[in-house]
Amino acid sequence: MRAALLVGIFLLELALLAAAGLWGCTLDAGWPVRLLAGLSAPLILALVWGLFCSPRATVPLPAAAKLGAQATCFLAGGTLLALTGHPVAGAALVLFWSLTKTLLTRAGTPI
């Protein structure tokens, strides 16, 4: 069960990056702006995740602050999906992350 939850949380993190890229590529702007936003938005989220949210984060945070940073990243991803015209997918991303995070924490595997 634990391994499946860890795989699930990893896939949700990839979906978070994909949501940011999709948002950038669907902006109502010229193709250079869409390309720049489509590449930079996931890179910024990946940078924030690597610095503060990952299990091997560069900047160690207390558990509550780390959870807050993770929640902020996923809320941003859900919002970006909603802005692309997929509000149900955005809500599902946040809901599945919170459910998986809760199950992992209850299983004694906080990340």
PDB file of N, CA and C in Angstrom:
ATOM      1  N   MET A   1       0.828  -1.194   0.000  1.00  0.00           N
ATOM      2  CA  MET A   1       0.000   0.000   0.000  1.00  0.00           C
ATOM      3  C   MET A   1       0.872   1.258   0.000  1.00  0.00           C
ATOM      4  N   ARG A   2       1.913   1.248   0.846  1.00  0.00           N
ATOM      5  CA  ARG A   2       2.807   2.397   0.952  1.00  0.00           C
ATOM      6  C   ARG A   2       3.483   2.686  -0.377  1.00  0.00           C
ATOM      7  N   ALA A   3       3.944   1.648  -1.049  1.00  0.00           N
ATOM      8  CA  ALA A   3       4.620   1.831  -2.339  1.00  0.00           C
ATOM      9  C   ALA A   3       3.664   2.418  -3.376  1.00  0.00           C
ATOM     10  N   ALA A   4       2.434   1.950  -3.389  1.00  0.00           N
ATOM     11  CA  ALA A   4       1.443   2.475  -4.335  1.00  0.00           C
ATOM     12  C   ALA A   4       1.157   3.944  -4.050  1.00  0.00           C
ATOM     13  N   LEU A   5       1.104   4.321  -2.782  1.00  0.00           N
ATOM     14  CA  LEU A   5       0.870   5.726  -2.435  1.00  0.00           C
ATOM     15  C   LEU A   5       2.051   6.603  -2.845  1.00  0.00           C
ATOM     16  N   LEU A   6       3.267   6.085  -2.679  1.00  0.00           N
ATOM     17  CA  LEU A   6       4.446   6.846  -3.093  1.00  0.00           C
ATOM     18  C   LEU A   6       4.484   7.032  -4.610  1.00  0.00           C
ATOM     19  N   VAL A   7       4.112   6.000  -5.339  1.00  0.00           N
ATOM     20  CA  VAL A   7       4.022   6.128  -6.795  1.00  0.00           C
ATOM     21  C   VAL A   7       2.934   7.133  -7.151  1.00  0.00           C
ATOM     22  N   GLY A   8       1.815   7.061  -6.447  1.00  0.00           N
ATOM     23  CA  GLY A   8       0.717   7.994  -6.699  1.00  0.00           C
ATOM     24  C   GLY A   8       1.116   9.436  -6.454  1.00  0.00           C
ATOM     25  N   ILE A   9       1.831   9.704  -5.374  1.00  0.00           N
ATOM     26  CA  ILE A   9       2.231  11.078  -5.074  1.00  0.00           C
ATOM     27  C   ILE A   9       3.233  11.568  -6.112  1.00  0.00           C
ATOM     28  N   PHE A  10       4.094  10.676  -6.594  1.00  0.00           N
ATOM     29  CA  PHE A  10       5.040  11.059  -7.644  1.00  0.00           C
ATOM     30  C   PHE A  10       4.310  11.409  -8.940  1.00  0.00           C
ATOM     31  N   LEU A  11       3.306  10.603  -9.289  1.00  0.00           N
ATOM     32  CA  LEU A  11       2.530  10.889 -10.495  1.00  0.00           C
ATOM     33  C   LEU A  11       1.755  12.198 -10.360  1.00  0.00           C
ATOM     34  N   LEU A  12       1.279  12.497  -9.158  1.00  0.00           N
ATOM     35  CA  LEU A  12       0.599  13.771  -8.922  1.00  0.00           C
ATOM     36  C   LEU A  12       1.569  14.946  -9.069  1.00  0.00           C
ATOM     37  N   GLU A  13       2.808  14.754  -8.639  1.00  0.00           N
ATOM     38  CA  GLU A  13       3.810  15.807  -8.813  1.00  0.00           C
ATOM     39  C   GLU A  13       4.084  16.046 -10.298  1.00  0.00           C
ATOM     40  N   LEU A  14       4.129  14.985 -11.081  1.00  0.00           N
ATOM     41  CA  LEU A  14       4.302  15.140 -12.527  1.00  0.00           C
ATOM     42  C   LEU A  14       3.092  15.834 -13.144  1.00  0.00           C
ATOM     43  N   ALA A  15       1.901  15.501 -12.667  1.00  0.00           N
ATOM     44  CA  ALA A  15       0.683  16.161 -13.161  1.00  0.00           C
ATOM     45  C   ALA A  15       0.696  17.645 -12.806  1.00  0.00           C
ATOM     46  N   LEU A  16       1.246  17.977 -11.652  1.00  0.00           N
ATOM     47  CA  LEU A  16       1.381  19.377 -11.253  1.00  0.00           C
ATOM     48  C   LEU A  16       2.238  20.139 -12.263  1.00  0.00           C
ATOM     49  N   LEU A  17       3.354  19.558 -12.643  1.00  0.00           N
ATOM     50  CA  LEU A  17       4.231  20.206 -13.623  1.00  0.00           C
ATOM     51  C   LEU A  17       3.548  20.304 -14.987  1.00  0.00           C
ATOM     52  N   ALA A  18       2.831  19.259 -15.366  1.00  0.00           N
ATOM     53  CA  ALA A  18       2.115  19.273 -16.644  1.00  0.00           C
ATOM     54  C   ALA A  18       1.031  20.356 -16.645  1.00  0.00           C
ATOM     55  N   ALA A  19       0.360  20.538 -15.523  1.00  0.00           N
ATOM     56  CA  ALA A  19      -0.676  21.573 -15.425  1.00  0.00           C
ATOM     57  C   ALA A  19      -0.071  22.953 -15.625  1.00  0.00           C
ATOM     58  N   ALA A  20       1.094  23.186 -15.045  1.00  0.00           N
ATOM     59  CA  ALA A  20       1.748  24.483 -15.208  1.00  0.00           C
ATOM     60  C   ALA A  20       2.156  24.701 -16.664  1.00  0.00           C
ATOM     61  N   GLY A  21       2.672  23.664 -17.302  1.00  0.00           N
ATOM     62  CA  GLY A  21       3.047  23.776 -18.710  1.00  0.00           C
ATOM     63  C   GLY A  21       1.845  24.000 -19.604  1.00  0.00           C
ATOM     64  N   LEU A  22       0.756  23.310 -19.323  1.00  0.00           N
ATOM     65  CA  LEU A  22      -0.467  23.482 -20.103  1.00  0.00           C
ATOM     66  C   LEU A  22      -0.991  24.901 -19.983  1.00  0.00           C
ATOM     67  N   TRP A  23      -0.977  25.427 -18.775  1.00  0.00           N
ATOM     68  CA  TRP A  23      -1.431  26.797 -18.568  1.00  0.00           C
ATOM     69  C   TRP A  23      -0.625  27.761 -19.433  1.00  0.00           C
ATOM     70  N   GLY A  24       0.693  27.632 -19.403  1.00  0.00           N
ATOM     71  CA  GLY A  24       1.533  28.533 -20.176  1.00  0.00           C
ATOM     72  C   GLY A  24       1.281  28.429 -21.671  1.00  0.00           C
ATOM     73  N   CYS A  25       1.072  27.224 -22.139  1.00  0.00           N
ATOM     74  CA  CYS A  25       0.861  27.013 -23.576  1.00  0.00           C
ATOM     75  C   CYS A  25      -0.515  27.454 -24.052  1.00  0.00           C
ATOM     76  N   THR A  26      -1.455  27.649 -23.141  1.00  0.00           N
ATOM     77  CA  THR A  26      -2.805  28.044 -23.550  1.00  0.00           C
ATOM     78  C   THR A  26      -3.102  29.514 -23.272  1.00  0.00           C
ATOM     79  N   LEU A  27      -2.094  30.284 -22.932  1.00  0.00           N
ATOM     80  CA  LEU A  27      -2.317  31.706 -22.710  1.00  0.00           C
ATOM     81  C   LEU A  27      -2.783  32.375 -23.998  1.00  0.00           C
ATOM     82  N   ASP A  28      -3.548  33.432 -23.837  1.00  0.00           N
ATOM     83  CA  ASP A  28      -4.023  34.193 -24.990  1.00  0.00           C
ATOM     84  C   ASP A  28      -2.964  35.246 -25.324  1.00  0.00           C
ATOM     85  N   ALA A  29      -1.874  34.787 -25.930  1.00  0.00           N
ATOM     86  CA  ALA A  29      -0.757  35.662 -26.278  1.00  0.00           C
ATOM     87  C   ALA A  29      -0.057  35.069 -27.493  1.00  0.00           C
ATOM     88  N   GLY A  30       0.944  35.763 -27.963  1.00  0.00           N
ATOM     89  CA  GLY A  30       1.715  35.260 -29.093  1.00  0.00           C
ATOM     90  C   GLY A  30       2.490  34.011 -28.722  1.00  0.00           C
ATOM     91  N   TRP A  31       2.921  33.275 -29.734  1.00  0.00           N
ATOM     92  CA  TRP A  31       3.593  32.009 -29.462  1.00  0.00           C
ATOM     93  C   TRP A  31       4.873  32.165 -28.662  1.00  0.00           C
ATOM     94  N   PRO A  32       5.666  33.257 -28.795  1.00  0.00           N
ATOM     95  CA  PRO A  32       6.859  33.353 -27.943  1.00  0.00           C
ATOM     96  C   PRO A  32       6.507  33.429 -26.457  1.00  0.00           C
ATOM     97  N   VAL A  33       5.443  34.167 -26.143  1.00  0.00           N
ATOM     98  CA  VAL A  33       5.019  34.282 -24.742  1.00  0.00           C
ATOM     99  C   VAL A  33       4.499  32.943 -24.237  1.00  0.00           C
ATOM    100  N   ARG A  34       3.700  32.263 -25.059  1.00  0.00           N
ATOM    101  CA  ARG A  34       3.178  30.946 -24.658  1.00  0.00           C
ATOM    102  C   ARG A  34       4.317  29.950 -24.449  1.00  0.00           C
ATOM    103  N   LEU A  35       5.289  29.978 -25.345  1.00  0.00           N
ATOM    104  CA  LEU A  35       6.424  29.066 -25.216  1.00  0.00           C
ATOM    105  C   LEU A  35       7.211  29.357 -23.948  1.00  0.00           C
ATOM    106  N   LEU A  36       7.484  30.625 -23.708  1.00  0.00           N
ATOM    107  CA  LEU A  36       8.230  31.004 -22.505  1.00  0.00           C
ATOM    108  C   LEU A  36       7.461  30.627 -21.239  1.00  0.00           C
ATOM    109  N   ALA A  37       6.175  30.928 -21.209  1.00  0.00           N
ATOM    110  CA  ALA A  37       5.363  30.588 -20.034  1.00  0.00           C
ATOM    111  C   ALA A  37       5.207  29.085 -19.880  1.00  0.00           C
ATOM    112  N   GLY A  38       5.033  28.378 -20.997  1.00  0.00           N
ATOM    113  CA  GLY A  38       4.875  26.926 -20.950  1.00  0.00           C
ATOM    114  C   GLY A  38       6.111  26.203 -20.458  1.00  0.00           C
ATOM    115  N   LEU A  39       7.274  26.807 -20.660  1.00  0.00           N
ATOM    116  CA  LEU A  39       8.516  26.203 -20.168  1.00  0.00           C
ATOM    117  C   LEU A  39       8.898  26.707 -18.776  1.00  0.00           C
ATOM    118  N   SER A  40       8.680  27.995 -18.535  1.00  0.00           N
ATOM    119  CA  SER A  40       9.143  28.551 -17.266  1.00  0.00           C
ATOM    120  C   SER A  40       8.226  28.225 -16.085  1.00  0.00           C
ATOM    121  N   ALA A  41       6.921  28.134 -16.295  1.00  0.00           N
ATOM    122  CA  ALA A  41       6.017  27.841 -15.174  1.00  0.00           C
ATOM    123  C   ALA A  41       6.332  26.491 -14.518  1.00  0.00           C
ATOM    124  N   PRO A  42       6.497  25.390 -15.298  1.00  0.00           N
ATOM    125  CA  PRO A  42       6.863  24.141 -14.642  1.00  0.00           C
ATOM    126  C   PRO A  42       8.263  24.180 -14.024  1.00  0.00           C
ATOM    127  N   LEU A  43       9.173  24.921 -14.646  1.00  0.00           N
ATOM    128  CA  LEU A  43      10.513  25.027 -14.068  1.00  0.00           C
ATOM    129  C   LEU A  43      10.491  25.749 -12.731  1.00  0.00           C
ATOM    130  N   ILE A  44       9.678  26.784 -12.633  1.00  0.00           N
ATOM    131  CA  ILE A  44       9.570  27.510 -11.358  1.00  0.00           C
ATOM    132  C   ILE A  44       8.964  26.609 -10.283  1.00  0.00           C
ATOM    133  N   LEU A  45       7.909  25.883 -10.636  1.00  0.00           N
ATOM    134  CA  LEU A  45       7.310  24.953  -9.658  1.00  0.00           C
ATOM    135  C   LEU A  45       8.296  23.862  -9.256  1.00  0.00           C
ATOM    136  N   ALA A  46       9.056  23.343 -10.223  1.00  0.00           N
ATOM    137  CA  ALA A  46      10.047  22.307  -9.915  1.00  0.00           C
ATOM    138  C   ALA A  46      11.143  22.857  -9.003  1.00  0.00           C
ATOM    139  N   LEU A  47      11.536  24.093  -9.235  1.00  0.00           N
ATOM    140  CA  LEU A  47      12.540  24.725  -8.382  1.00  0.00           C
ATOM    141  C   LEU A  47      12.027  24.880  -6.956  1.00  0.00           C
ATOM    142  N   VAL A  48      10.818  25.385  -6.816  1.00  0.00           N
ATOM    143  CA  VAL A  48      10.222  25.545  -5.478  1.00  0.00           C
ATOM    144  C   VAL A  48      10.096  24.186  -4.802  1.00  0.00           C
ATOM    145  N   TRP A  49       9.642  23.180  -5.562  1.00  0.00           N
ATOM    146  CA  TRP A  49       9.472  21.846  -4.992  1.00  0.00           C
ATOM    147  C   TRP A  49      10.814  21.279  -4.526  1.00  0.00           C
ATOM    148  N   GLY A  50      11.832  21.428  -5.350  1.00  0.00           N
ATOM    149  CA  GLY A  50      13.154  20.902  -4.987  1.00  0.00           C
ATOM    150  C   GLY A  50      13.766  21.635  -3.806  1.00  0.00           C
ATOM    151  N   LEU A  51      13.532  22.930  -3.712  1.00  0.00           N
ATOM    152  CA  LEU A  51      14.100  23.695  -2.612  1.00  0.00           C
ATOM    153  C   LEU A  51      13.405  23.436  -1.283  1.00  0.00           C
ATOM    154  N   PHE A  52      12.071  23.344  -1.305  1.00  0.00           N
ATOM    155  CA  PHE A  52      11.320  23.330  -0.053  1.00  0.00           C
ATOM    156  C   PHE A  52      10.471  22.088   0.207  1.00  0.00           C
ATOM    157  N   CYS A  53      10.005  21.403  -0.835  1.00  0.00           N
ATOM    158  CA  CYS A  53       8.942  20.417  -0.653  1.00  0.00           C
ATOM    159  C   CYS A  53       9.375  18.961  -0.768  1.00  0.00           C
ATOM    160  N   SER A  54      10.427  18.676  -1.458  1.00  0.00           N
ATOM    161  CA  SER A  54      10.790  17.286  -1.715  1.00  0.00           C
ATOM    162  C   SER A  54      11.330  16.624  -0.441  1.00  0.00           C
ATOM    163  N   PRO A  55      11.343  15.290  -0.417  1.00  0.00           N
ATOM    164  CA  PRO A  55      11.905  14.604   0.745  1.00  0.00           C
ATOM    165  C   PRO A  55      13.378  14.944   0.979  1.00  0.00           C
ATOM    166  N   ARG A  56      14.094  15.299  -0.083  1.00  0.00           N
ATOM    167  CA  ARG A  56      15.501  15.698   0.041  1.00  0.00           C
ATOM    168  C   ARG A  56      15.659  17.187  -0.271  1.00  0.00           C
ATOM    169  N   ALA A  57      14.786  17.990   0.297  1.00  0.00           N
ATOM    170  CA  ALA A  57      14.761  19.431   0.013  1.00  0.00           C
ATOM    171  C   ALA A  57      16.082  20.085   0.381  1.00  0.00           C
ATOM    172  N   THR A  58      16.483  21.053  -0.437  1.00  0.00           N
ATOM    173  CA  THR A  58      17.712  21.798  -0.190  1.00  0.00           C
ATOM    174  C   THR A  58      17.588  22.651   1.065  1.00  0.00           C
ATOM    175  N   VAL A  59      16.414  23.236   1.258  1.00  0.00           N
ATOM    176  CA  VAL A  59      16.143  24.073   2.427  1.00  0.00           C
ATOM    177  C   VAL A  59      15.199  23.296   3.334  1.00  0.00           C
ATOM    178  N   PRO A  60      15.731  22.715   4.412  1.00  0.00           N
ATOM    179  CA  PRO A  60      14.844  21.950   5.301  1.00  0.00           C
ATOM    180  C   PRO A  60      13.894  22.880   6.058  1.00  0.00           C
ATOM    181  N   LEU A  61      12.628  22.498   6.045  1.00  0.00           N
ATOM    182  CA  LEU A  61      11.597  23.274   6.738  1.00  0.00           C
ATOM    183  C   LEU A  61      10.965  22.414   7.832  1.00  0.00           C
ATOM    184  N   PRO A  62      10.400  23.052   8.853  1.00  0.00           N
ATOM    185  CA  PRO A  62       9.605  22.287   9.813  1.00  0.00           C
ATOM    186  C   PRO A  62       8.434  21.614   9.083  1.00  0.00           C
ATOM    187  N   ALA A  63       7.922  20.564   9.659  1.00  0.00           N
ATOM    188  CA  ALA A  63       6.883  19.762   8.989  1.00  0.00           C
ATOM    189  C   ALA A  63       5.684  20.603   8.570  1.00  0.00           C
ATOM    190  N   ALA A  64       5.225  21.494   9.431  1.00  0.00           N
ATOM    191  CA  ALA A  64       4.048  22.300   9.101  1.00  0.00           C
ATOM    192  C   ALA A  64       4.335  23.246   7.938  1.00  0.00           C
ATOM    193  N   ALA A  65       5.509  23.842   7.911  1.00  0.00           N
ATOM    194  CA  ALA A  65       5.872  24.753   6.823  1.00  0.00           C
ATOM    195  C   ALA A  65       6.041  23.996   5.510  1.00  0.00           C
ATOM    196  N   LYS A  66       6.609  22.798   5.595  1.00  0.00           N
ATOM    197  CA  LYS A  66       6.774  21.977   4.393  1.00  0.00           C
ATOM    198  C   LYS A  66       5.414  21.577   3.831  1.00  0.00           C
ATOM    199  N   LEU A  67       4.499  21.192   4.698  1.00  0.00           N
ATOM    200  CA  LEU A  67       3.145  20.859   4.259  1.00  0.00           C
ATOM    201  C   LEU A  67       2.474  22.075   3.626  1.00  0.00           C
ATOM    202  N   GLY A  68       2.672  23.237   4.219  1.00  0.00           N
ATOM    203  CA  GLY A  68       2.103  24.457   3.662  1.00  0.00           C
ATOM    204  C   GLY A  68       2.667  24.783   2.287  1.00  0.00           C
ATOM    205  N   ALA A  69       3.957  24.573   2.106  1.00  0.00           N
ATOM    206  CA  ALA A  69       4.577  24.827   0.800  1.00  0.00           C
ATOM    207  C   ALA A  69       4.057  23.836  -0.239  1.00  0.00           C
ATOM    208  N   GLN A  70       3.921  22.573   0.155  1.00  0.00           N
ATOM    209  CA  GLN A  70       3.381  21.570  -0.769  1.00  0.00           C
ATOM    210  C   GLN A  70       1.942  21.906  -1.150  1.00  0.00           C
ATOM    211  N   ALA A  71       1.146  22.273  -0.158  1.00  0.00           N
ATOM    212  CA  ALA A  71      -0.253  22.620  -0.423  1.00  0.00           C
ATOM    213  C   ALA A  71      -0.339  23.828  -1.341  1.00  0.00           C
ATOM    214  N   THR A  72       0.525  24.804  -1.134  1.00  0.00           N
ATOM    215  CA  THR A  72       0.539  25.993  -1.986  1.00  0.00           C
ATOM    216  C   THR A  72       0.862  25.624  -3.425  1.00  0.00           C
ATOM    217  N   CYS A  73       1.835  24.741  -3.618  1.00  0.00           N
ATOM    218  CA  CYS A  73       2.184  24.299  -4.975  1.00  0.00           C
ATOM    219  C   CYS A  73       1.001  23.609  -5.641  1.00  0.00           C
ATOM    220  N   PHE A  74       0.336  22.721  -4.923  1.00  0.00           N
ATOM    221  CA  PHE A  74      -0.788  22.001  -5.526  1.00  0.00           C
ATOM    222  C   PHE A  74      -2.012  22.897  -5.720  1.00  0.00           C
ATOM    223  N   LEU A  75      -2.236  23.830  -4.823  1.00  0.00           N
ATOM    224  CA  LEU A  75      -3.327  24.785  -5.039  1.00  0.00           C
ATOM    225  C   LEU A  75      -3.038  25.655  -6.259  1.00  0.00           C
ATOM    226  N   ALA A  76      -1.785  26.029  -6.441  1.00  0.00           N
ATOM    227  CA  ALA A  76      -1.411  26.790  -7.638  1.00  0.00           C
ATOM    228  C   ALA A  76      -1.640  25.951  -8.890  1.00  0.00           C
ATOM    229  N   GLY A  77      -1.250  24.684  -8.849  1.00  0.00           N
ATOM    230  CA  GLY A  77      -1.471  23.802  -9.997  1.00  0.00           C
ATOM    231  C   GLY A  77      -2.944  23.622 -10.301  1.00  0.00           C
ATOM    232  N   GLY A  78      -3.754  23.456  -9.266  1.00  0.00           N
ATOM    233  CA  GLY A  78      -5.195  23.324  -9.467  1.00  0.00           C
ATOM    234  C   GLY A  78      -5.801  24.597 -10.043  1.00  0.00           C
ATOM    235  N   THR A  79      -5.323  25.726  -9.562  1.00  0.00           N
ATOM    236  CA  THR A  79      -5.798  27.005 -10.089  1.00  0.00           C
ATOM    237  C   THR A  79      -5.397  27.177 -11.549  1.00  0.00           C
ATOM    238  N   LEU A  80      -4.170  26.810 -11.881  1.00  0.00           N
ATOM    239  CA  LEU A  80      -3.715  26.923 -13.273  1.00  0.00           C
ATOM    240  C   LEU A  80      -4.539  26.023 -14.196  1.00  0.00           C
ATOM    241  N   LEU A  81      -4.867  24.824 -13.718  1.00  0.00           N
ATOM    242  CA  LEU A  81      -5.730  23.952 -14.520  1.00  0.00           C
ATOM    243  C   LEU A  81      -7.112  24.568 -14.704  1.00  0.00           C
ATOM    244  N   ALA A  82      -7.636  25.153 -13.660  1.00  0.00           N
ATOM    245  CA  ALA A  82      -8.947  25.801 -13.766  1.00  0.00           C
ATOM    246  C   ALA A  82      -8.895  26.962 -14.757  1.00  0.00           C
ATOM    247  N   LEU A  83      -7.793  27.689 -14.775  1.00  0.00           N
ATOM    248  CA  LEU A  83      -7.647  28.806 -15.704  1.00  0.00           C
ATOM    249  C   LEU A  83      -7.557  28.351 -17.156  1.00  0.00           C
ATOM    250  N   THR A  84      -7.174  27.101 -17.388  1.00  0.00           N
ATOM    251  CA  THR A  84      -7.123  26.586 -18.760  1.00  0.00           C
ATOM    252  C   THR A  84      -8.484  26.071 -19.211  1.00  0.00           C
ATOM    253  N   GLY A  85      -9.481  26.149 -18.330  1.00  0.00           N
ATOM    254  CA  GLY A  85     -10.814  25.681 -18.686  1.00  0.00           C
ATOM    255  C   GLY A  85     -11.115  24.288 -18.181  1.00  0.00           C
ATOM    256  N   HIS A  86     -10.309  23.793 -17.254  1.00  0.00           N
ATOM    257  CA  HIS A  86     -10.509  22.455 -16.689  1.00  0.00           C
ATOM    258  C   HIS A  86     -10.641  22.539 -15.165  1.00  0.00           C
ATOM    259  N   PRO A  87     -11.723  23.158 -14.669  1.00  0.00           N
ATOM    260  CA  PRO A  87     -11.845  23.322 -13.220  1.00  0.00           C
ATOM    261  C   PRO A  87     -12.020  22.003 -12.466  1.00  0.00           C
ATOM    262  N   VAL A  88     -12.678  21.036 -13.075  1.00  0.00           N
ATOM    263  CA  VAL A  88     -12.862  19.742 -12.396  1.00  0.00           C
ATOM    264  C   VAL A  88     -11.516  19.032 -12.253  1.00  0.00           C
ATOM    265  N   ALA A  89     -10.705  19.087 -13.295  1.00  0.00           N
ATOM    266  CA  ALA A  89      -9.368  18.479 -13.232  1.00  0.00           C
ATOM    267  C   ALA A  89      -8.514  19.187 -12.194  1.00  0.00           C
ATOM    268  N   GLY A  90      -8.633  20.503 -12.110  1.00  0.00           N
ATOM    269  CA  GLY A  90      -7.886  21.251 -11.100  1.00  0.00           C
ATOM    270  C   GLY A  90      -8.285  20.863  -9.690  1.00  0.00           C
ATOM    271  N   ALA A  91      -9.587  20.748  -9.471  1.00  0.00           N
ATOM    272  CA  ALA A  91     -10.069  20.332  -8.151  1.00  0.00           C
ATOM    273  C   ALA A  91      -9.651  18.900  -7.842  1.00  0.00           C
ATOM    274  N   ALA A  92      -9.678  18.032  -8.858  1.00  0.00           N
ATOM    275  CA  ALA A  92      -9.275  16.637  -8.666  1.00  0.00           C
ATOM    276  C   ALA A  92      -7.798  16.539  -8.308  1.00  0.00           C
ATOM    277  N   LEU A  93      -6.960  17.366  -8.937  1.00  0.00           N
ATOM    278  CA  LEU A  93      -5.531  17.357  -8.625  1.00  0.00           C
ATOM    279  C   LEU A  93      -5.309  17.672  -7.153  1.00  0.00           C
ATOM    280  N   VAL A  94      -5.957  18.710  -6.667  1.00  0.00           N
ATOM    281  CA  VAL A  94      -5.802  19.104  -5.266  1.00  0.00           C
ATOM    282  C   VAL A  94      -6.400  18.043  -4.339  1.00  0.00           C
ATOM    283  N   LEU A  95      -7.568  17.524  -4.687  1.00  0.00           N
ATOM    284  CA  LEU A  95      -8.226  16.520  -3.860  1.00  0.00           C
ATOM    285  C   LEU A  95      -7.408  15.233  -3.764  1.00  0.00           C
ATOM    286  N   PHE A  96      -6.921  14.744  -4.906  1.00  0.00           N
ATOM    287  CA  PHE A  96      -6.133  13.508  -4.887  1.00  0.00           C
ATOM    288  C   PHE A  96      -4.821  13.707  -4.139  1.00  0.00           C
ATOM    289  N   TRP A  97      -4.199  14.887  -4.271  1.00  0.00           N
ATOM    290  CA  TRP A  97      -2.979  15.134  -3.518  1.00  0.00           C
ATOM    291  C   TRP A  97      -3.275  15.107  -2.021  1.00  0.00           C
ATOM    292  N   SER A  98      -4.319  15.808  -1.599  1.00  0.00           N
ATOM    293  CA  SER A  98      -4.607  15.860  -0.167  1.00  0.00           C
ATOM    294  C   SER A  98      -4.975  14.484   0.384  1.00  0.00           C
ATOM    295  N   LEU A  99      -5.703  13.703  -0.397  1.00  0.00           N
ATOM    296  CA  LEU A  99      -6.053  12.349   0.040  1.00  0.00           C
ATOM    297  C   LEU A  99      -4.811  11.466   0.147  1.00  0.00           C
ATOM    298  N   THR A 100      -3.975  11.497  -0.871  1.00  0.00           N
ATOM    299  CA  THR A 100      -2.760  10.681  -0.864  1.00  0.00           C
ATOM    300  C   THR A 100      -1.822  11.120   0.250  1.00  0.00           C
ATOM    301  N   LYS A 101      -1.685  12.421   0.436  1.00  0.00           N
ATOM    302  CA  LYS A 101      -0.832  12.951   1.503  1.00  0.00           C
ATOM    303  C   LYS A 101      -1.343  12.515   2.873  1.00  0.00           C
ATOM    304  N   THR A 102      -2.653  12.553   3.059  1.00  0.00           N
ATOM    305  CA  THR A 102      -3.239  12.122   4.328  1.00  0.00           C
ATOM    306  C   THR A 102      -2.985  10.643   4.583  1.00  0.00           C
ATOM    307  N   LEU A 103      -3.193   9.813   3.563  1.00  0.00           N
ATOM    308  CA  LEU A 103      -2.966   8.372   3.721  1.00  0.00           C
ATOM    309  C   LEU A 103      -1.501   8.071   3.999  1.00  0.00           C
ATOM    310  N   LEU A 104      -0.593   8.763   3.330  1.00  0.00           N
ATOM    311  CA  LEU A 104       0.838   8.556   3.589  1.00  0.00           C
ATOM    312  C   LEU A 104       1.201   8.966   5.015  1.00  0.00           C
ATOM    313  N   THR A 105       0.657  10.083   5.469  1.00  0.00           N
ATOM    314  CA  THR A 105       0.946  10.547   6.825  1.00  0.00           C
ATOM    315  C   THR A 105       0.402   9.582   7.858  1.00  0.00           C
ATOM    316  N   ARG A 106      -0.797   9.075   7.634  1.00  0.00           N
ATOM    317  CA  ARG A 106      -1.388   8.090   8.557  1.00  0.00           C
ATOM    318  C   ARG A 106      -0.604   6.787   8.561  1.00  0.00           C
ATOM    319  N   ALA A 107       0.036   6.469   7.440  1.00  0.00           N
ATOM    320  CA  ALA A 107       0.834   5.253   7.353  1.00  0.00           C
ATOM    321  C   ALA A 107       2.222   5.467   7.950  1.00  0.00           C
ATOM    322  N   GLY A 108       2.512   6.675   8.417  1.00  0.00           N
ATOM    323  CA  GLY A 108       3.812   6.936   9.034  1.00  0.00           C
ATOM    324  C   GLY A 108       4.889   7.312   8.046  1.00  0.00           C
ATOM    325  N   THR A 109       4.511   7.755   6.866  1.00  0.00           N
ATOM    326  CA  THR A 109       5.487   8.122   5.838  1.00  0.00           C
ATOM    327  C   THR A 109       5.238   9.551   5.399  1.00  0.00           C
ATOM    328  N   PRO A 110       5.583  10.520   6.228  1.00  0.00           N
ATOM    329  CA  PRO A 110       5.420  11.904   5.792  1.00  0.00           C
ATOM    330  C   PRO A 110       6.465  12.260   4.751  1.00  0.00           C
ATOM    331  N   ILE A 111       6.037  13.024   3.755  1.00  0.00           N
ATOM    332  CA  ILE A 111       6.998  13.492   2.749  1.00  0.00           C
ATOM    333  C   ILE A 111       6.821  14.971   2.508  1.00  0.00           C
TER     334      ILE A 111
END
